[in-house]
Amino acid sequence: MDEPRTTARERADVQDDDGLLAFWQAAQGHLGFGRLGVVVGEQSDDVVVPPAWTFGVTAEEADAEVEAVLAGRKTATSGPRAAFADLPEVGDVGIVLDGAHRPRALVRVTAVDVVPGSLVSTGHAGAELGVAPSEDALERWRALNAGVSGEVADEVVVERFEVVYPTDGPAPAVD
């Protein structure tokens, strides 16, 4: 099945990226983590950065999508259930990258549902596309999420998220 053009979460292979690590370290204060409250790997000094991805397929789409996230217009995403090994959970965090794979926003999942593709709401379509909910938004969402068959997946994972840490503005003090 083709990846949806506006909802693809293209995971970036940037675990060793110093910029991503610095972004994560700065963003942790916004989650209430202190210096010792980091997410760790098998050894206590191995910090595990949350998943990082771009929305969109091209660099230009990724830039436009992350700007919509930062502006508060895009507050949702979705994908075919078959594309998920594990479902996201409320509270999961991830880093949204721009088209150059620079970290721009830390987001936290606020709601997750699995719904029939035919029952995705106008509200979700609008939140994902960064526009007002409407039948037009839903038709556009369906067109963008149609697979090779021309149909939306039978089951769709719909997520809502909030921006926890934009790259602009001060981070809270970390103990």
N, C-alpha and C. Protein backbone atom coordinates (compact mmCIF):
# COMPACT_ATOMS: atom_id res chain seq x y z
N MET A 1 0.85 -1.18 0.00
CA MET A 1 0.00 0.00 0.00
C MET A 1 0.89 1.24 0.00
N ASP A 2 0.55 2.24 -0.77
CA ASP A 2 1.30 3.49 -0.80
C ASP A 2 1.17 4.20 0.52
N GLU A 3 2.22 4.92 0.92
CA GLU A 3 2.16 5.74 2.11
C GLU A 3 1.31 6.97 1.82
N PRO A 4 0.45 7.38 2.75
CA PRO A 4 -0.30 8.60 2.55
C PRO A 4 0.67 9.78 2.45
N ARG A 5 0.37 10.72 1.59
CA ARG A 5 1.31 11.81 1.34
C ARG A 5 1.42 12.78 2.50
N THR A 6 0.34 13.08 3.21
CA THR A 6 0.44 14.08 4.27
C THR A 6 0.54 13.46 5.65
N THR A 7 0.45 12.15 5.76
CA THR A 7 0.43 11.57 7.08
C THR A 7 1.59 10.62 7.33
N ALA A 8 2.46 10.47 6.36
CA ALA A 8 3.56 9.52 6.53
C ALA A 8 4.45 9.95 7.68
N ARG A 9 4.76 9.01 8.51
CA ARG A 9 5.72 9.24 9.58
C ARG A 9 6.99 8.57 9.12
N GLU A 10 7.81 9.32 8.45
CA GLU A 10 9.06 8.75 7.98
C GLU A 10 10.07 8.88 9.10
N ARG A 11 10.36 7.75 9.73
CA ARG A 11 11.30 7.78 10.85
C ARG A 11 12.68 8.12 10.34
N ALA A 12 13.29 8.99 11.04
CA ALA A 12 14.63 9.41 10.68
C ALA A 12 15.65 8.55 11.42
N ASP A 13 16.70 8.21 10.76
CA ASP A 13 17.78 7.44 11.38
C ASP A 13 18.78 8.43 11.96
N VAL A 14 18.40 9.03 13.08
CA VAL A 14 19.21 10.11 13.64
C VAL A 14 19.52 9.89 15.12
N GLN A 15 19.49 8.66 15.59
CA GLN A 15 19.74 8.39 17.00
C GLN A 15 21.09 8.94 17.46
N ASP A 16 22.09 8.95 16.59
CA ASP A 16 23.41 9.44 16.98
C ASP A 16 23.62 10.91 16.64
N ASP A 17 22.60 11.59 16.21
CA ASP A 17 22.68 12.98 15.81
C ASP A 17 22.80 13.87 17.04
N ASP A 18 23.88 14.66 17.13
CA ASP A 18 24.10 15.53 18.29
C ASP A 18 22.99 16.58 18.42
N GLY A 19 22.49 17.09 17.29
CA GLY A 19 21.42 18.09 17.34
C GLY A 19 20.15 17.52 17.92
N LEU A 20 19.84 16.29 17.56
CA LEU A 20 18.64 15.63 18.09
C LEU A 20 18.79 15.38 19.59
N LEU A 21 19.95 14.92 20.00
CA LEU A 21 20.19 14.69 21.42
C LEU A 21 20.09 15.99 22.20
N ALA A 22 20.67 17.07 21.69
CA ALA A 22 20.60 18.37 22.37
C ALA A 22 19.15 18.84 22.46
N PHE A 23 18.38 18.66 21.39
CA PHE A 23 16.97 19.03 21.40
C PHE A 23 16.23 18.25 22.48
N TRP A 24 16.45 16.94 22.53
CA TRP A 24 15.78 16.10 23.52
C TRP A 24 16.16 16.51 24.93
N GLN A 25 17.43 16.80 25.16
CA GLN A 25 17.86 17.21 26.49
C GLN A 25 17.19 18.51 26.91
N ALA A 26 17.05 19.45 25.97
CA ALA A 26 16.38 20.72 26.27
C ALA A 26 14.88 20.51 26.49
N ALA A 27 14.28 19.61 25.74
CA ALA A 27 12.83 19.41 25.79
C ALA A 27 12.37 18.65 27.03
N GLN A 28 13.24 17.89 27.66
CA GLN A 28 12.84 17.06 28.79
C GLN A 28 12.22 17.87 29.92
N GLY A 29 12.68 19.09 30.14
CA GLY A 29 12.11 19.93 31.19
C GLY A 29 10.64 20.19 30.97
N HIS A 30 10.19 20.21 29.73
CA HIS A 30 8.79 20.45 29.42
C HIS A 30 7.93 19.23 29.71
N LEU A 31 8.55 18.09 29.92
CA LEU A 31 7.81 16.88 30.29
C LEU A 31 7.85 16.64 31.80
N GLY A 32 8.55 17.52 32.53
CA GLY A 32 8.67 17.36 33.96
C GLY A 32 9.82 16.47 34.37
N PHE A 33 10.69 16.14 33.42
CA PHE A 33 11.86 15.33 33.76
C PHE A 33 12.94 16.25 34.33
N GLY A 34 13.56 15.84 35.41
CA GLY A 34 14.73 16.53 35.91
C GLY A 34 15.96 15.91 35.27
N ARG A 35 17.11 16.30 35.74
CA ARG A 35 18.34 15.76 35.16
C ARG A 35 18.44 14.25 35.31
N LEU A 36 17.89 13.70 36.38
CA LEU A 36 17.99 12.25 36.59
C LEU A 36 16.79 11.51 36.01
N GLY A 37 15.77 12.22 35.60
CA GLY A 37 14.55 11.57 35.13
C GLY A 37 14.53 11.35 33.64
N VAL A 38 15.67 10.96 33.07
CA VAL A 38 15.72 10.76 31.62
C VAL A 38 15.27 9.35 31.27
N VAL A 39 14.93 9.15 30.05
CA VAL A 39 14.64 7.82 29.54
C VAL A 39 15.99 7.19 29.24
N VAL A 40 16.24 6.00 29.79
CA VAL A 40 17.56 5.42 29.63
C VAL A 40 17.50 4.11 28.88
N GLY A 41 18.64 3.75 28.33
CA GLY A 41 18.78 2.47 27.65
C GLY A 41 19.23 1.41 28.63
N GLU A 42 19.94 0.40 28.12
CA GLU A 42 20.37 -0.70 28.97
C GLU A 42 21.37 -0.26 30.02
N GLN A 43 22.18 0.74 29.70
CA GLN A 43 23.10 1.29 30.68
C GLN A 43 22.60 2.67 31.06
N SER A 44 22.78 3.04 32.32
CA SER A 44 22.20 4.29 32.79
C SER A 44 22.72 5.52 32.07
N ASP A 45 23.89 5.42 31.43
CA ASP A 45 24.41 6.59 30.72
C ASP A 45 24.04 6.60 29.24
N ASP A 46 23.23 5.64 28.80
CA ASP A 46 22.76 5.60 27.41
C ASP A 46 21.38 6.23 27.32
N VAL A 47 21.34 7.51 27.00
CA VAL A 47 20.06 8.20 26.86
C VAL A 47 19.39 7.74 25.58
N VAL A 48 18.11 7.42 25.67
CA VAL A 48 17.36 7.00 24.50
C VAL A 48 16.48 8.16 24.05
N VAL A 49 16.74 8.63 22.86
CA VAL A 49 15.96 9.72 22.29
C VAL A 49 14.65 9.13 21.77
N PRO A 50 13.52 9.82 21.97
CA PRO A 50 12.25 9.31 21.45
C PRO A 50 12.29 9.18 19.93
N PRO A 51 11.32 8.49 19.37
CA PRO A 51 11.27 8.38 17.90
C PRO A 51 11.22 9.77 17.27
N ALA A 52 11.84 9.89 16.12
CA ALA A 52 11.84 11.16 15.38
C ALA A 52 11.38 10.87 13.96
N TRP A 53 10.59 11.76 13.39
CA TRP A 53 10.04 11.53 12.06
C TRP A 53 9.70 12.85 11.38
N THR A 54 9.46 12.77 10.10
CA THR A 54 8.89 13.88 9.35
C THR A 54 7.46 13.53 8.99
N PHE A 55 6.63 14.54 8.88
CA PHE A 55 5.32 14.39 8.26
C PHE A 55 5.50 14.80 6.82
N GLY A 56 4.97 14.04 5.90
CA GLY A 56 5.11 14.36 4.49
C GLY A 56 6.16 13.50 3.84
N VAL A 57 6.21 13.56 2.53
CA VAL A 57 7.12 12.73 1.76
C VAL A 57 8.35 13.52 1.31
N THR A 58 8.14 14.73 0.84
CA THR A 58 9.25 15.56 0.36
C THR A 58 9.71 16.50 1.46
N ALA A 59 10.89 17.08 1.28
CA ALA A 59 11.40 18.06 2.24
C ALA A 59 10.45 19.25 2.34
N GLU A 60 9.90 19.68 1.22
CA GLU A 60 8.98 20.82 1.23
C GLU A 60 7.72 20.49 2.02
N GLU A 61 7.18 19.28 1.82
CA GLU A 61 6.00 18.87 2.58
C GLU A 61 6.33 18.79 4.07
N ALA A 62 7.49 18.24 4.40
CA ALA A 62 7.88 18.13 5.81
C ALA A 62 7.98 19.51 6.44
N ASP A 63 8.56 20.47 5.72
CA ASP A 63 8.67 21.84 6.24
C ASP A 63 7.29 22.45 6.47
N ALA A 64 6.39 22.29 5.51
CA ALA A 64 5.04 22.85 5.64
C ALA A 64 4.29 22.19 6.79
N GLU A 65 4.44 20.87 6.92
CA GLU A 65 3.73 20.15 7.98
C GLU A 65 4.24 20.54 9.36
N VAL A 66 5.55 20.65 9.54
CA VAL A 66 6.07 21.00 10.86
C VAL A 66 5.69 22.44 11.21
N GLU A 67 5.62 23.32 10.23
CA GLU A 67 5.16 24.69 10.50
C GLU A 67 3.70 24.68 10.96
N ALA A 68 2.88 23.82 10.35
CA ALA A 68 1.48 23.70 10.77
C ALA A 68 1.38 23.14 12.18
N VAL A 69 2.26 22.21 12.54
CA VAL A 69 2.30 21.67 13.90
C VAL A 69 2.66 22.78 14.88
N LEU A 70 3.73 23.51 14.58
CA LEU A 70 4.19 24.57 15.49
C LEU A 70 3.17 25.70 15.62
N ALA A 71 2.41 25.96 14.57
CA ALA A 71 1.39 27.01 14.61
C ALA A 71 0.10 26.55 15.28
N GLY A 72 0.02 25.25 15.62
CA GLY A 72 -1.17 24.72 16.27
C GLY A 72 -2.30 24.38 15.33
N ARG A 73 -2.05 24.43 14.03
CA ARG A 73 -3.10 24.07 13.07
C ARG A 73 -3.20 22.56 12.89
N LYS A 74 -2.08 21.87 12.83
CA LYS A 74 -2.06 20.41 12.66
C LYS A 74 -1.92 19.79 14.05
N THR A 75 -2.96 19.09 14.49
CA THR A 75 -2.96 18.48 15.82
C THR A 75 -3.33 17.01 15.78
N ALA A 76 -3.25 16.41 14.60
CA ALA A 76 -3.63 15.01 14.45
C ALA A 76 -2.86 14.38 13.30
N THR A 77 -2.82 13.06 13.32
CA THR A 77 -2.23 12.29 12.24
C THR A 77 -2.95 10.95 12.18
N SER A 78 -2.68 10.19 11.15
CA SER A 78 -3.31 8.87 11.02
C SER A 78 -2.48 8.01 10.09
N GLY A 79 -2.80 6.75 10.09
CA GLY A 79 -2.16 5.81 9.19
C GLY A 79 -2.91 4.50 9.19
N PRO A 80 -2.70 3.68 8.18
CA PRO A 80 -3.36 2.37 8.14
C PRO A 80 -2.92 1.52 9.33
N ARG A 81 -3.85 0.83 9.95
CA ARG A 81 -3.53 -0.03 11.10
C ARG A 81 -2.43 -1.01 10.76
N ALA A 82 -2.42 -1.51 9.54
CA ALA A 82 -1.42 -2.49 9.13
C ALA A 82 0.00 -1.94 9.16
N ALA A 83 0.16 -0.63 9.16
CA ALA A 83 1.49 -0.02 9.16
C ALA A 83 2.09 0.06 10.56
N PHE A 84 1.33 -0.29 11.58
CA PHE A 84 1.78 -0.17 12.97
C PHE A 84 2.07 -1.54 13.56
N ALA A 85 3.31 -1.78 13.95
CA ALA A 85 3.62 -3.00 14.69
C ALA A 85 2.99 -2.90 16.08
N ASP A 86 3.17 -1.76 16.72
CA ASP A 86 2.58 -1.48 18.03
C ASP A 86 1.79 -0.18 17.90
N LEU A 87 0.64 -0.15 18.54
CA LEU A 87 -0.15 1.08 18.50
C LEU A 87 0.47 2.13 19.40
N PRO A 88 0.39 3.39 18.99
CA PRO A 88 0.83 4.45 19.89
C PRO A 88 -0.08 4.47 21.12
N GLU A 89 0.42 5.02 22.20
CA GLU A 89 -0.36 5.12 23.43
C GLU A 89 -0.41 6.57 23.88
N VAL A 90 -1.49 6.92 24.58
CA VAL A 90 -1.58 8.25 25.15
C VAL A 90 -0.37 8.47 26.04
N GLY A 91 0.28 9.61 25.88
CA GLY A 91 1.48 9.94 26.64
C GLY A 91 2.77 9.69 25.88
N ASP A 92 2.72 8.89 24.81
CA ASP A 92 3.92 8.69 24.00
C ASP A 92 4.39 10.03 23.46
N VAL A 93 5.70 10.18 23.36
CA VAL A 93 6.26 11.41 22.80
C VAL A 93 7.12 11.08 21.59
N GLY A 94 7.28 12.07 20.74
CA GLY A 94 8.12 11.93 19.56
C GLY A 94 8.59 13.30 19.12
N ILE A 95 9.59 13.29 18.29
CA ILE A 95 10.18 14.53 17.79
C ILE A 95 9.85 14.67 16.31
N VAL A 96 9.23 15.79 15.96
CA VAL A 96 8.89 16.07 14.56
C VAL A 96 10.05 16.85 13.95
N LEU A 97 10.51 16.38 12.81
CA LEU A 97 11.64 16.98 12.11
C LEU A 97 11.17 17.80 10.93
N ASP A 98 12.00 18.74 10.51
CA ASP A 98 11.70 19.48 9.28
C ASP A 98 12.28 18.74 8.09
N GLY A 99 12.21 19.35 6.93
CA GLY A 99 12.66 18.69 5.70
C GLY A 99 14.15 18.42 5.65
N ALA A 100 14.93 19.11 6.47
CA ALA A 100 16.37 18.88 6.56
C ALA A 100 16.71 17.95 7.72
N HIS A 101 15.69 17.34 8.30
CA HIS A 101 15.82 16.42 9.44
C HIS A 101 16.37 17.10 10.69
N ARG A 102 16.03 18.38 10.86
CA ARG A 102 16.36 19.10 12.10
C ARG A 102 15.17 18.98 13.04
N PRO A 103 15.41 18.73 14.33
CA PRO A 103 14.30 18.64 15.29
C PRO A 103 13.63 19.99 15.47
N ARG A 104 12.30 19.99 15.41
CA ARG A 104 11.57 21.25 15.52
C ARG A 104 10.51 21.23 16.61
N ALA A 105 9.93 20.06 16.93
CA ALA A 105 8.86 20.03 17.92
C ALA A 105 8.84 18.68 18.63
N LEU A 106 8.65 18.74 19.94
CA LEU A 106 8.37 17.54 20.72
C LEU A 106 6.86 17.48 20.89
N VAL A 107 6.26 16.38 20.46
CA VAL A 107 4.81 16.23 20.57
C VAL A 107 4.49 15.05 21.49
N ARG A 108 3.30 15.15 22.13
CA ARG A 108 2.83 14.09 23.01
C ARG A 108 1.45 13.64 22.53
N VAL A 109 1.25 12.34 22.44
CA VAL A 109 -0.03 11.77 22.01
C VAL A 109 -1.06 12.01 23.11
N THR A 110 -2.22 12.56 22.73
CA THR A 110 -3.29 12.82 23.69
C THR A 110 -4.50 11.90 23.49
N ALA A 111 -4.61 11.28 22.33
CA ALA A 111 -5.72 10.35 22.08
C ALA A 111 -5.34 9.43 20.93
N VAL A 112 -5.76 8.18 21.02
CA VAL A 112 -5.52 7.19 19.96
C VAL A 112 -6.79 6.35 19.82
N ASP A 113 -7.21 6.16 18.59
CA ASP A 113 -8.34 5.29 18.30
C ASP A 113 -8.05 4.53 17.02
N VAL A 114 -8.63 3.35 16.91
CA VAL A 114 -8.62 2.60 15.65
C VAL A 114 -10.06 2.60 15.16
N VAL A 115 -10.25 3.16 13.97
CA VAL A 115 -11.60 3.30 13.43
C VAL A 115 -11.64 2.75 12.01
N PRO A 116 -12.81 2.35 11.56
CA PRO A 116 -12.92 1.99 10.14
C PRO A 116 -12.57 3.22 9.29
N GLY A 117 -11.85 3.00 8.22
CA GLY A 117 -11.46 4.10 7.36
C GLY A 117 -12.65 4.92 6.87
N SER A 118 -13.77 4.26 6.70
CA SER A 118 -14.97 4.96 6.23
C SER A 118 -15.59 5.85 7.31
N LEU A 119 -15.14 5.71 8.57
CA LEU A 119 -15.73 6.48 9.66
C LEU A 119 -14.80 7.55 10.23
N VAL A 120 -13.70 7.85 9.55
CA VAL A 120 -12.86 8.96 10.00
C VAL A 120 -13.71 10.22 9.93
N SER A 121 -13.66 11.03 10.98
CA SER A 121 -14.55 12.18 11.10
C SER A 121 -14.03 13.42 10.39
N THR A 122 -14.95 14.35 10.15
CA THR A 122 -14.54 15.64 9.59
C THR A 122 -13.62 16.37 10.56
N GLY A 123 -13.87 16.18 11.86
CA GLY A 123 -13.02 16.81 12.88
C GLY A 123 -11.59 16.32 12.80
N HIS A 124 -11.44 15.00 12.65
CA HIS A 124 -10.09 14.46 12.54
C HIS A 124 -9.43 14.93 11.25
N ALA A 125 -10.15 14.88 10.15
CA ALA A 125 -9.58 15.30 8.87
C ALA A 125 -9.10 16.74 8.94
N GLY A 126 -9.91 17.62 9.52
CA GLY A 126 -9.51 19.01 9.66
C GLY A 126 -8.28 19.17 10.53
N ALA A 127 -8.25 18.45 11.67
CA ALA A 127 -7.11 18.55 12.58
C ALA A 127 -5.84 18.03 11.94
N GLU A 128 -5.95 17.01 11.11
CA GLU A 128 -4.76 16.46 10.45
C GLU A 128 -4.27 17.36 9.32
N LEU A 129 -5.21 17.94 8.60
CA LEU A 129 -4.83 18.80 7.47
C LEU A 129 -4.55 20.24 7.89
N GLY A 130 -4.87 20.58 9.14
CA GLY A 130 -4.63 21.94 9.61
C GLY A 130 -5.65 22.94 9.09
N VAL A 131 -6.88 22.46 8.88
CA VAL A 131 -7.95 23.32 8.37
C VAL A 131 -9.20 23.10 9.23
N ALA A 132 -10.22 23.92 9.00
CA ALA A 132 -11.48 23.75 9.72
C ALA A 132 -12.14 22.43 9.33
N PRO A 133 -12.79 21.77 10.29
CA PRO A 133 -13.50 20.53 9.96
C PRO A 133 -14.61 20.81 8.95
N SER A 134 -14.68 19.98 7.92
CA SER A 134 -15.71 20.14 6.90
C SER A 134 -15.76 18.89 6.04
N GLU A 135 -16.80 18.78 5.26
CA GLU A 135 -16.89 17.67 4.30
C GLU A 135 -15.77 17.78 3.26
N ASP A 136 -15.43 19.01 2.88
CA ASP A 136 -14.32 19.21 1.93
C ASP A 136 -13.01 18.68 2.51
N ALA A 137 -12.77 18.97 3.80
CA ALA A 137 -11.55 18.48 4.45
C ALA A 137 -11.55 16.96 4.46
N LEU A 138 -12.69 16.36 4.75
CA LEU A 138 -12.78 14.90 4.79
C LEU A 138 -12.53 14.30 3.41
N GLU A 139 -13.08 14.89 2.38
CA GLU A 139 -12.84 14.39 1.02
C GLU A 139 -11.36 14.52 0.65
N ARG A 140 -10.75 15.63 1.03
CA ARG A 140 -9.32 15.81 0.77
C ARG A 140 -8.50 14.77 1.54
N TRP A 141 -8.87 14.53 2.81
CA TRP A 141 -8.17 13.52 3.62
C TRP A 141 -8.29 12.15 2.95
N ARG A 142 -9.49 11.80 2.51
CA ARG A 142 -9.69 10.50 1.85
C ARG A 142 -8.84 10.39 0.59
N ALA A 143 -8.79 11.44 -0.20
CA ALA A 143 -7.99 11.41 -1.44
C ALA A 143 -6.51 11.24 -1.12
N LEU A 144 -6.04 11.92 -0.09
CA LEU A 144 -4.62 11.83 0.27
C LEU A 144 -4.26 10.50 0.92
N ASN A 145 -5.23 9.83 1.50
CA ASN A 145 -4.97 8.58 2.21
C ASN A 145 -5.43 7.34 1.47
N ALA A 146 -5.85 7.50 0.24
CA ALA A 146 -6.24 6.35 -0.56
C ALA A 146 -4.98 5.58 -0.96
N GLY A 147 -5.01 4.29 -0.79
CA GLY A 147 -3.88 3.45 -1.16
C GLY A 147 -3.87 3.16 -2.65
N VAL A 148 -3.11 2.16 -3.02
CA VAL A 148 -3.00 1.74 -4.42
C VAL A 148 -4.36 1.39 -5.00
N SER A 149 -5.22 0.82 -4.16
CA SER A 149 -6.55 0.42 -4.62
C SER A 149 -7.48 1.60 -4.83
N GLY A 150 -7.07 2.78 -4.39
CA GLY A 150 -7.94 3.94 -4.48
C GLY A 150 -8.88 4.08 -3.29
N GLU A 151 -8.74 3.16 -2.32
CA GLU A 151 -9.60 3.16 -1.14
C GLU A 151 -8.76 3.45 0.11
N VAL A 152 -9.42 4.03 1.10
CA VAL A 152 -8.80 4.22 2.41
C VAL A 152 -8.76 2.86 3.10
N ALA A 153 -7.75 2.63 3.93
CA ALA A 153 -7.61 1.35 4.64
C ALA A 153 -8.88 1.01 5.42
N ASP A 154 -9.11 -0.29 5.58
CA ASP A 154 -10.27 -0.74 6.35
C ASP A 154 -10.20 -0.24 7.80
N GLU A 155 -9.00 -0.31 8.38
CA GLU A 155 -8.79 0.18 9.74
C GLU A 155 -7.73 1.26 9.72
N VAL A 156 -8.03 2.36 10.40
CA VAL A 156 -7.11 3.50 10.44
C VAL A 156 -6.84 3.86 11.89
N VAL A 157 -5.57 4.07 12.21
CA VAL A 157 -5.18 4.55 13.53
C VAL A 157 -5.21 6.07 13.46
N VAL A 158 -6.05 6.68 14.28
CA VAL A 158 -6.13 8.14 14.33
C VAL A 158 -5.57 8.61 15.67
N GLU A 159 -4.69 9.58 15.58
CA GLU A 159 -4.03 10.10 16.78
C GLU A 159 -4.25 11.60 16.88
N ARG A 160 -4.38 12.07 18.09
CA ARG A 160 -4.33 13.50 18.40
C ARG A 160 -3.05 13.72 19.20
N PHE A 161 -2.47 14.89 19.01
CA PHE A 161 -1.25 15.20 19.75
C PHE A 161 -1.22 16.67 20.11
N GLU A 162 -0.35 16.99 21.05
CA GLU A 162 -0.12 18.38 21.44
C GLU A 162 1.37 18.66 21.36
N VAL A 163 1.70 19.90 21.09
CA VAL A 163 3.10 20.31 21.08
C VAL A 163 3.51 20.55 22.53
N VAL A 164 4.57 19.89 22.95
CA VAL A 164 5.09 20.05 24.30
C VAL A 164 6.25 21.03 24.31
N TYR A 165 7.05 20.97 23.27
CA TYR A 165 8.24 21.81 23.23
C TYR A 165 8.52 22.27 21.81
N PRO A 166 8.24 23.54 21.52
CA PRO A 166 8.72 24.10 20.25
C PRO A 166 10.16 24.55 20.41
N THR A 167 10.84 24.74 19.30
CA THR A 167 12.23 25.18 19.36
C THR A 167 12.36 26.64 19.72
N ASP A 168 11.28 27.40 19.62
CA ASP A 168 11.32 28.81 20.00
C ASP A 168 10.86 28.95 21.44
N GLY A 169 11.49 29.84 22.19
CA GLY A 169 11.10 30.10 23.56
C GLY A 169 11.98 29.37 24.55
N PRO A 170 11.97 29.85 25.80
CA PRO A 170 12.86 29.28 26.81
C PRO A 170 12.35 27.94 27.34
N ALA A 171 13.27 27.09 27.70
CA ALA A 171 12.93 25.84 28.36
C ALA A 171 12.86 26.11 29.86
N PRO A 172 12.00 25.41 30.58
CA PRO A 172 11.99 25.58 32.03
C PRO A 172 13.30 25.12 32.64
N ALA A 173 13.60 25.64 33.80
CA ALA A 173 14.83 25.26 34.49
C ALA A 173 14.78 23.78 34.82
N VAL A 174 15.91 23.12 34.72
CA VAL A 174 16.02 21.70 35.06
C VAL A 174 16.85 21.59 36.32
N ASP A 175 16.33 20.86 37.31
CA ASP A 175 17.04 20.70 38.59
C ASP A 175 18.35 19.99 38.41
